[in-house]
Structures are given as C-alpha cells and as structure tokens.
Amino acid sequence: MAPAGLNMESISPLTLNRLSVYLRALRQLDEEGAKRISSREMANRFHLSAAQIRKDLAQFGELGIRGVGYEVAPLRHKLEDQLGLWREHRAVIVGAGNIGSALAQFPGLNSEHFRVVGLFDIDPGRIGAQVGRMKVRPSGDLAQIVRDHKVELGILAVPAEAAQENYDAMAEAGIRAVLNFAPVYLREKPEARVKNVDLMIFVEELAHHLG
C-alpha cells in the first residue's frame, strides 16, 4: 500500500525531475555517512539552486530545520516514498538492439526499485541470445510475462515504424506506463501513459549552441 502524502499528480514534470536529482544527491550523501545537510551545502556540492531546493521540498511539509538543515536519511526515504519507490516496479523491454540491450543491463533498472523481467524482439537472429542475465524472448511471449510477473512498466526501443503496434500490444497486455525511445510520437491510450525520450532533440539543441 502506498504511503500517505502529497498527490504526485499535482506536481509538474519539471519538479518531479528535480526531485529525482535531489534523491540521487541524497543517496550519495547517505552512502558517505552524512547525517545532515543544508540546502545551501547541497546546492554548492551538486550544482543546484538552494532556493529551488527549499521551494520544492516545502511542498512536503516542514522537512528541514532553519539553521540546521535536513536529515539526510529521512529525507531520502521521504522522496523515495513520494516518487513511488516504496516498492519494486517490474519492467519489460521490447527491442533487443543496441539501446534495448544496453537498458536491459543498466544498473538503475536492476536495483531495489526497478527490475527488468523480460527482453523481447521479433528478429530470429536475436531471439535466444543472452543479454546480461536474461535471454531475448519472442515478442509473442510479452502478454504472458506481463501477466505472470505483474509488469507495470514497458520500455520501447524499436524502429519508429514498429513503435505504435508494440505500444498498443503493451497497453493491451496491461502495462500502465511506457518509456518510448523510438523517434516517433505515439497515439497514447488513457490506460498506458507515455514518456518520450528523443535523443536527437537534445543533440540538435547542442548543435544550435555550437553555431
């Protein structure tokens, strides 16, 4: 059961992104044995904005003490709870090419909060191949794996022309959220939220700054 707290649906995507950055910083501090840290110290060390940190964290109540700062471990656990990381989220990846295979072995997707339980492809040359700790399965097995492992998160790493049909298959199988690496925007279904990751947008933005 999810912990009681602020309705995260009311928080903007930009704020959620910053909370994830704060959480990574707090995890590092916690692993180093730090007990307390002020917003200014945290901002200086991790190149953040102290004022923004205080504003964002104030949404969750009085978490810090003026002149003393925040307790690192409790704040870390508070953000993990608020970001839905109080339990494990199981994921599948469709597309066992370079991106999909790399994501299947990415430590962040194989941690205490996330676990990849299936990697799928339609290419006979890839099916059965070992990628990290798992074998590539045929895409026809997707629905069964989603059902058997109670999968909620899907990751699309397929060519643009195959993205919509694979997204539709994920939604039909019961997946509730999809991270789309295909360079195309999908016709989103209400039961399966989509987050698009278009790497070329960021590359082209950098190219603009290069002139």
C-alpha atoms as a PDB file:
ATOM      1  CA  MET A   1       0.000   0.000   0.000  1.00  0.00           C
ATOM      2  CA  ALA A   2       1.342   3.434  -0.945  1.00  0.00           C
ATOM      3  CA  PRO A   3       2.334   5.812   1.863  1.00  0.00           C
ATOM      4  CA  ALA A   4       0.018   8.744   2.503  1.00  0.00           C
ATOM      5  CA  GLY A   5       1.294  12.067   1.211  1.00  0.00           C
ATOM      6  CA  LEU A   6       1.017  14.746  -1.412  1.00  0.00           C
ATOM      7  CA  ASN A   7      -0.863  13.847  -4.593  1.00  0.00           C
ATOM      8  CA  MET A   8       2.026  13.488  -7.018  1.00  0.00           C
ATOM      9  CA  GLU A   9      -0.328  14.005  -9.984  1.00  0.00           C
ATOM     10  CA  SER A  10      -0.472  17.668  -8.952  1.00  0.00           C
ATOM     11  CA  ILE A  11       3.306  18.136  -9.258  1.00  0.00           C
ATOM     12  CA  SER A  12       4.740  19.342 -12.569  1.00  0.00           C
ATOM     13  CA  PRO A  13       7.083  17.104 -14.610  1.00  0.00           C
ATOM     14  CA  LEU A  14       9.912  19.636 -14.127  1.00  0.00           C
ATOM     15  CA  THR A  15       9.522  19.448 -10.348  1.00  0.00           C
ATOM     16  CA  LEU A  16       9.468  15.652 -10.468  1.00  0.00           C
ATOM     17  CA  ASN A  17      12.696  15.741 -12.465  1.00  0.00           C
ATOM     18  CA  ARG A  18      14.314  17.929  -9.801  1.00  0.00           C
ATOM     19  CA  LEU A  19      13.119  15.614  -7.022  1.00  0.00           C
ATOM     20  CA  SER A  20      14.864  12.741  -8.800  1.00  0.00           C
ATOM     21  CA  VAL A  21      18.069  14.805  -8.918  1.00  0.00           C
ATOM     22  CA  TYR A  22      17.764  15.605  -5.202  1.00  0.00           C
ATOM     23  CA  LEU A  23      17.200  11.927  -4.465  1.00  0.00           C
ATOM     24  CA  ARG A  24      20.393  10.901  -6.277  1.00  0.00           C
ATOM     25  CA  ALA A  25      22.312  13.514  -4.306  1.00  0.00           C
ATOM     26  CA  LEU A  26      20.817  12.316  -1.012  1.00  0.00           C
ATOM     27  CA  ARG A  27      21.627   8.696  -1.791  1.00  0.00           C
ATOM     28  CA  GLN A  28      25.257   9.632  -2.365  1.00  0.00           C
ATOM     29  CA  LEU A  29      25.353  11.609   0.875  1.00  0.00           C
ATOM     30  CA  ASP A  30      23.690   8.777   2.789  1.00  0.00           C
ATOM     31  CA  GLU A  31      26.194   6.251   1.436  1.00  0.00           C
ATOM     32  CA  GLU A  32      29.007   8.568   2.557  1.00  0.00           C
ATOM     33  CA  GLY A  33      27.565   8.629   6.072  1.00  0.00           C
ATOM     34  CA  ALA A  34      26.359  12.239   6.076  1.00  0.00           C
ATOM     35  CA  LYS A  35      23.694  12.888   8.725  1.00  0.00           C
ATOM     36  CA  ARG A  36      22.552  16.430   7.933  1.00  0.00           C
ATOM     37  CA  ILE A  37      22.953  18.901   5.113  1.00  0.00           C
ATOM     38  CA  SER A  38      21.646  22.393   4.459  1.00  0.00           C
ATOM     39  CA  SER A  39      20.035  23.431   1.183  1.00  0.00           C
ATOM     40  CA  ARG A  40      22.994  25.726   0.531  1.00  0.00           C
ATOM     41  CA  GLU A  41      25.560  22.972   1.136  1.00  0.00           C
ATOM     42  CA  MET A  42      23.602  20.613  -1.065  1.00  0.00           C
ATOM     43  CA  ALA A  43      23.306  23.242  -3.793  1.00  0.00           C
ATOM     44  CA  ASN A  44      27.024  24.042  -3.731  1.00  0.00           C
ATOM     45  CA  ARG A  45      28.112  20.439  -3.821  1.00  0.00           C
ATOM     46  CA  PHE A  46      25.759  19.233  -6.549  1.00  0.00           C
ATOM     47  CA  HIS A  47      25.493  22.475  -8.573  1.00  0.00           C
ATOM     48  CA  LEU A  48      21.842  23.072  -7.721  1.00  0.00           C
ATOM     49  CA  SER A  49      19.778  26.061  -6.568  1.00  0.00           C
ATOM     50  CA  ALA A  50      19.350  26.351  -2.796  1.00  0.00           C
ATOM     51  CA  ALA A  51      16.198  28.447  -3.171  1.00  0.00           C
ATOM     52  CA  GLN A  52      14.692  25.912  -5.590  1.00  0.00           C
ATOM     53  CA  ILE A  53      15.532  23.026  -3.260  1.00  0.00           C
ATOM     54  CA  ARG A  54      13.758  24.738  -0.361  1.00  0.00           C
ATOM     55  CA  LYS A  55      10.733  25.601  -2.509  1.00  0.00           C
ATOM     56  CA  ASP A  56      10.382  22.088  -3.905  1.00  0.00           C
ATOM     57  CA  LEU A  57      10.804  20.322  -0.577  1.00  0.00           C
ATOM     58  CA  ALA A  58       8.411  22.705   1.196  1.00  0.00           C
ATOM     59  CA  GLN A  59       5.581  21.021  -0.725  1.00  0.00           C
ATOM     60  CA  PHE A  60       6.015  18.003   1.563  1.00  0.00           C
ATOM     61  CA  GLY A  61       5.814  19.899   4.849  1.00  0.00           C
ATOM     62  CA  GLU A  62       8.463  21.061   7.287  1.00  0.00           C
ATOM     63  CA  LEU A  63      11.264  18.645   6.410  1.00  0.00           C
ATOM     64  CA  GLY A  64      14.189  20.859   7.411  1.00  0.00           C
ATOM     65  CA  ILE A  65      15.140  22.997  10.392  1.00  0.00           C
ATOM     66  CA  ARG A  66      16.213  26.590   9.807  1.00  0.00           C
ATOM     67  CA  GLY A  67      19.914  26.980  10.541  1.00  0.00           C
ATOM     68  CA  VAL A  68      20.368  23.219  10.875  1.00  0.00           C
ATOM     69  CA  GLY A  69      19.305  21.733   7.552  1.00  0.00           C
ATOM     70  CA  TYR A  70      17.784  18.437   6.512  1.00  0.00           C
ATOM     71  CA  GLU A  71      18.346  14.984   7.964  1.00  0.00           C
ATOM     72  CA  VAL A  72      19.761  13.048   5.023  1.00  0.00           C
ATOM     73  CA  ALA A  73      18.384   9.521   5.555  1.00  0.00           C
ATOM     74  CA  PRO A  74      14.797  10.531   6.486  1.00  0.00           C
ATOM     75  CA  LEU A  75      14.627  12.972   3.574  1.00  0.00           C
ATOM     76  CA  ARG A  76      15.946  10.317   1.207  1.00  0.00           C
ATOM     77  CA  HIS A  77      13.257   7.880   2.319  1.00  0.00           C
ATOM     78  CA  LYS A  78      10.586  10.574   2.105  1.00  0.00           C
ATOM     79  CA  LEU A  79      11.457  11.327  -1.530  1.00  0.00           C
ATOM     80  CA  GLU A  80      11.640   7.616  -2.394  1.00  0.00           C
ATOM     81  CA  ASP A  81       8.133   7.173  -0.988  1.00  0.00           C
ATOM     82  CA  GLN A  82       6.754  10.230  -2.770  1.00  0.00           C
ATOM     83  CA  LEU A  83       8.274   9.136  -6.097  1.00  0.00           C
ATOM     84  CA  GLY A  84       6.637   5.719  -5.804  1.00  0.00           C
ATOM     85  CA  LEU A  85       9.881   3.938  -4.952  1.00  0.00           C
ATOM     86  CA  TRP A  86       8.496   2.341  -1.792  1.00  0.00           C
ATOM     87  CA  ARG A  87       8.122  -0.908  -3.769  1.00  0.00           C
ATOM     88  CA  GLU A  88       9.683  -2.702  -6.717  1.00  0.00           C
ATOM     89  CA  HIS A  89       8.456  -1.853 -10.222  1.00  0.00           C
ATOM     90  CA  ARG A  90       8.870  -4.599 -12.820  1.00  0.00           C
ATOM     91  CA  ALA A  91       9.629  -3.700 -16.415  1.00  0.00           C
ATOM     92  CA  VAL A  92       9.918  -5.267 -19.844  1.00  0.00           C
ATOM     93  CA  ILE A  93      11.877  -4.020 -22.846  1.00  0.00           C
ATOM     94  CA  VAL A  94      10.695  -4.509 -26.418  1.00  0.00           C
ATOM     95  CA  GLY A  95      13.566  -4.223 -28.883  1.00  0.00           C
ATOM     96  CA  ALA A  96      16.832  -6.062 -28.234  1.00  0.00           C
ATOM     97  CA  GLY A  97      19.049  -3.875 -30.415  1.00  0.00           C
ATOM     98  CA  ASN A  98      21.816  -1.644 -29.103  1.00  0.00           C
ATOM     99  CA  ILE A  99      19.601   0.617 -26.978  1.00  0.00           C
ATOM    100  CA  GLY A 100      17.363  -2.143 -25.643  1.00  0.00           C
ATOM    101  CA  SER A 101      20.286  -4.411 -24.786  1.00  0.00           C
ATOM    102  CA  ALA A 102      22.096  -1.574 -23.011  1.00  0.00           C
ATOM    103  CA  LEU A 103      18.992  -0.685 -21.000  1.00  0.00           C
ATOM    104  CA  ALA A 104      18.478  -4.333 -20.007  1.00  0.00           C
ATOM    105  CA  GLN A 105      21.892  -4.217 -18.309  1.00  0.00           C
ATOM    106  CA  PHE A 106      21.607  -0.687 -16.906  1.00  0.00           C
ATOM    107  CA  PRO A 107      22.113  -0.873 -13.102  1.00  0.00           C
ATOM    108  CA  GLY A 108      19.373   1.682 -12.446  1.00  0.00           C
ATOM    109  CA  LEU A 109      16.812  -0.669 -13.999  1.00  0.00           C
ATOM    110  CA  ASN A 110      18.076  -3.627 -11.991  1.00  0.00           C
ATOM    111  CA  SER A 111      18.056  -2.237  -8.463  1.00  0.00           C
ATOM    112  CA  GLU A 112      15.903  -2.406  -5.349  1.00  0.00           C
ATOM    113  CA  HIS A 113      13.279  -0.197  -7.014  1.00  0.00           C
ATOM    114  CA  PHE A 114      13.166  -1.488 -10.606  1.00  0.00           C
ATOM    115  CA  ARG A 115      13.695  -4.882 -12.190  1.00  0.00           C
ATOM    116  CA  VAL A 116      13.689  -5.835 -15.866  1.00  0.00           C
ATOM    117  CA  VAL A 117      11.982  -9.223 -16.183  1.00  0.00           C
ATOM    118  CA  GLY A 118      11.805  -9.567 -19.949  1.00  0.00           C
ATOM    119  CA  LEU A 119      13.583  -8.507 -23.140  1.00  0.00           C
ATOM    120  CA  PHE A 120      11.738  -9.111 -26.425  1.00  0.00           C
ATOM    121  CA  ASP A 121      12.356  -8.974 -30.161  1.00  0.00           C
ATOM    122  CA  ILE A 122      10.909 -10.299 -33.421  1.00  0.00           C
ATOM    123  CA  ASP A 123      14.287 -10.903 -35.113  1.00  0.00           C
ATOM    124  CA  PRO A 124      15.034 -14.668 -35.172  1.00  0.00           C
ATOM    125  CA  GLY A 125      18.728 -13.808 -35.074  1.00  0.00           C
ATOM    126  CA  ARG A 126      18.289 -12.134 -31.684  1.00  0.00           C
ATOM    127  CA  ILE A 127      15.754 -14.437 -30.060  1.00  0.00           C
ATOM    128  CA  GLY A 128      17.509 -16.752 -27.617  1.00  0.00           C
ATOM    129  CA  ALA A 129      20.604 -14.555 -27.360  1.00  0.00           C
ATOM    130  CA  GLN A 130      21.934 -13.916 -23.869  1.00  0.00           C
ATOM    131  CA  VAL A 131      21.931 -10.261 -22.809  1.00  0.00           C
ATOM    132  CA  GLY A 132      23.278  -9.804 -19.314  1.00  0.00           C
ATOM    133  CA  ARG A 133      21.293 -12.091 -17.035  1.00  0.00           C
ATOM    134  CA  MET A 134      18.403 -12.767 -19.422  1.00  0.00           C
ATOM    135  CA  LYS A 135      17.664 -14.292 -22.797  1.00  0.00           C
ATOM    136  CA  VAL A 136      15.839 -12.461 -25.561  1.00  0.00           C
ATOM    137  CA  ARG A 137      12.287 -13.772 -25.904  1.00  0.00           C
ATOM    138  CA  PRO A 138       9.962 -13.663 -28.922  1.00  0.00           C
ATOM    139  CA  SER A 139       7.533 -10.744 -28.811  1.00  0.00           C
ATOM    140  CA  GLY A 140       4.643 -13.199 -28.746  1.00  0.00           C
ATOM    141  CA  ASP A 141       5.562 -14.028 -25.132  1.00  0.00           C
ATOM    142  CA  LEU A 142       5.005 -10.426 -23.965  1.00  0.00           C
ATOM    143  CA  ALA A 143       1.447 -10.766 -22.633  1.00  0.00           C
ATOM    144  CA  GLN A 144       2.263 -13.896 -20.635  1.00  0.00           C
ATOM    145  CA  ILE A 145       5.343 -12.368 -18.993  1.00  0.00           C
ATOM    146  CA  VAL A 146       3.428  -9.180 -18.158  1.00  0.00           C
ATOM    147  CA  ARG A 147       0.679 -11.241 -16.562  1.00  0.00           C
ATOM    148  CA  ASP A 148       2.936 -13.708 -14.722  1.00  0.00           C
ATOM    149  CA  HIS A 149       5.259 -11.040 -13.290  1.00  0.00           C
ATOM    150  CA  LYS A 150       2.662  -8.280 -12.771  1.00  0.00           C
ATOM    151  CA  VAL A 151       4.650  -5.918 -15.005  1.00  0.00           C
ATOM    152  CA  GLU A 152       3.595  -2.240 -14.981  1.00  0.00           C
ATOM    153  CA  LEU A 153       6.393  -0.519 -16.910  1.00  0.00           C
ATOM    154  CA  GLY A 154       7.307  -1.017 -20.562  1.00  0.00           C
ATOM    155  CA  ILE A 155      10.299   0.334 -22.471  1.00  0.00           C
ATOM    156  CA  LEU A 156      10.140   0.674 -26.255  1.00  0.00           C
ATOM    157  CA  ALA A 157      13.443   0.501 -28.124  1.00  0.00           C
ATOM    158  CA  VAL A 158      12.218  -0.347 -31.616  1.00  0.00           C
ATOM    159  CA  PRO A 159      12.350   1.440 -35.004  1.00  0.00           C
ATOM    160  CA  ALA A 160       9.830   4.234 -35.498  1.00  0.00           C
ATOM    161  CA  GLU A 161       7.651   2.215 -37.869  1.00  0.00           C
ATOM    162  CA  ALA A 162       7.203  -0.550 -35.281  1.00  0.00           C
ATOM    163  CA  ALA A 163       6.614   1.655 -32.235  1.00  0.00           C
ATOM    164  CA  GLN A 164       2.839   2.147 -32.367  1.00  0.00           C
ATOM    165  CA  GLU A 165       1.943  -1.515 -32.777  1.00  0.00           C
ATOM    166  CA  ASN A 166       4.301  -2.524 -29.970  1.00  0.00           C
ATOM    167  CA  TYR A 167       2.954   0.205 -27.712  1.00  0.00           C
ATOM    168  CA  ASP A 168      -0.584  -0.989 -28.444  1.00  0.00           C
ATOM    169  CA  ALA A 169       0.466  -4.541 -27.554  1.00  0.00           C
ATOM    170  CA  MET A 170       1.941  -3.325 -24.273  1.00  0.00           C
ATOM    171  CA  ALA A 171      -1.232  -1.451 -23.379  1.00  0.00           C
ATOM    172  CA  GLU A 172      -3.387  -4.450 -24.287  1.00  0.00           C
ATOM    173  CA  ALA A 173      -1.201  -6.683 -22.109  1.00  0.00           C
ATOM    174  CA  GLY A 174      -1.866  -4.442 -19.104  1.00  0.00           C
ATOM    175  CA  ILE A 175       1.249  -2.269 -18.947  1.00  0.00           C
ATOM    176  CA  ARG A 176       0.399   1.093 -17.365  1.00  0.00           C
ATOM    177  CA  ALA A 177       3.382   3.268 -18.316  1.00  0.00           C
ATOM    178  CA  VAL A 178       5.717   3.231 -21.323  1.00  0.00           C
ATOM    179  CA  LEU A 179       9.108   4.857 -21.853  1.00  0.00           C
ATOM    180  CA  ASN A 180       9.443   5.355 -25.604  1.00  0.00           C
ATOM    181  CA  PHE A 181      12.921   5.570 -27.165  1.00  0.00           C
ATOM    182  CA  ALA A 182      11.581   5.256 -30.710  1.00  0.00           C
ATOM    183  CA  PRO A 183      11.923   8.525 -32.681  1.00  0.00           C
ATOM    184  CA  VAL A 184       8.164   8.981 -33.097  1.00  0.00           C
ATOM    185  CA  TYR A 185       5.276  10.285 -31.010  1.00  0.00           C
ATOM    186  CA  LEU A 186       2.632   7.682 -30.245  1.00  0.00           C
ATOM    187  CA  ARG A 187      -1.151   7.755 -30.178  1.00  0.00           C
ATOM    188  CA  GLU A 188      -1.426   7.469 -26.414  1.00  0.00           C
ATOM    189  CA  LYS A 189      -4.074   5.375 -24.687  1.00  0.00           C
ATOM    190  CA  PRO A 190      -5.515   6.553 -21.351  1.00  0.00           C
ATOM    191  CA  GLU A 191      -4.580   3.294 -19.638  1.00  0.00           C
ATOM    192  CA  ALA A 192      -0.887   3.441 -20.642  1.00  0.00           C
ATOM    193  CA  ARG A 193       0.912   6.750 -20.083  1.00  0.00           C
ATOM    194  CA  VAL A 194       3.831   7.512 -22.423  1.00  0.00           C
ATOM    195  CA  LYS A 195       7.087   9.369 -21.786  1.00  0.00           C
ATOM    196  CA  ASN A 196       9.080  10.048 -24.956  1.00  0.00           C
ATOM    197  CA  VAL A 197      12.880  10.084 -24.940  1.00  0.00           C
ATOM    198  CA  ASP A 198      14.039  11.611 -28.233  1.00  0.00           C
ATOM    199  CA  LEU A 199      17.828  11.764 -28.083  1.00  0.00           C
ATOM    200  CA  MET A 200      18.060  13.791 -31.299  1.00  0.00           C
ATOM    201  CA  ILE A 201      16.175  16.692 -29.701  1.00  0.00           C
ATOM    202  CA  PHE A 202      18.996  17.114 -27.197  1.00  0.00           C
ATOM    203  CA  VAL A 203      21.736  16.589 -29.799  1.00  0.00           C
ATOM    204  CA  GLU A 204      20.163  19.172 -32.111  1.00  0.00           C
ATOM    205  CA  GLU A 205      19.792  21.620 -29.229  1.00  0.00           C
ATOM    206  CA  LEU A 206      23.508  21.289 -28.529  1.00  0.00           C
ATOM    207  CA  ALA A 207      24.255  21.712 -32.237  1.00  0.00           C
ATOM    208  CA  HIS A 208      22.333  25.008 -32.140  1.00  0.00           C
ATOM    209  CA  HIS A 209      24.572  26.278 -29.351  1.00  0.00           C
ATOM    210  CA  LEU A 210      27.655  25.255 -31.288  1.00  0.00           C
ATOM    211  CA  GLY A 211      26.548  27.559 -34.117  1.00  0.00           C
END
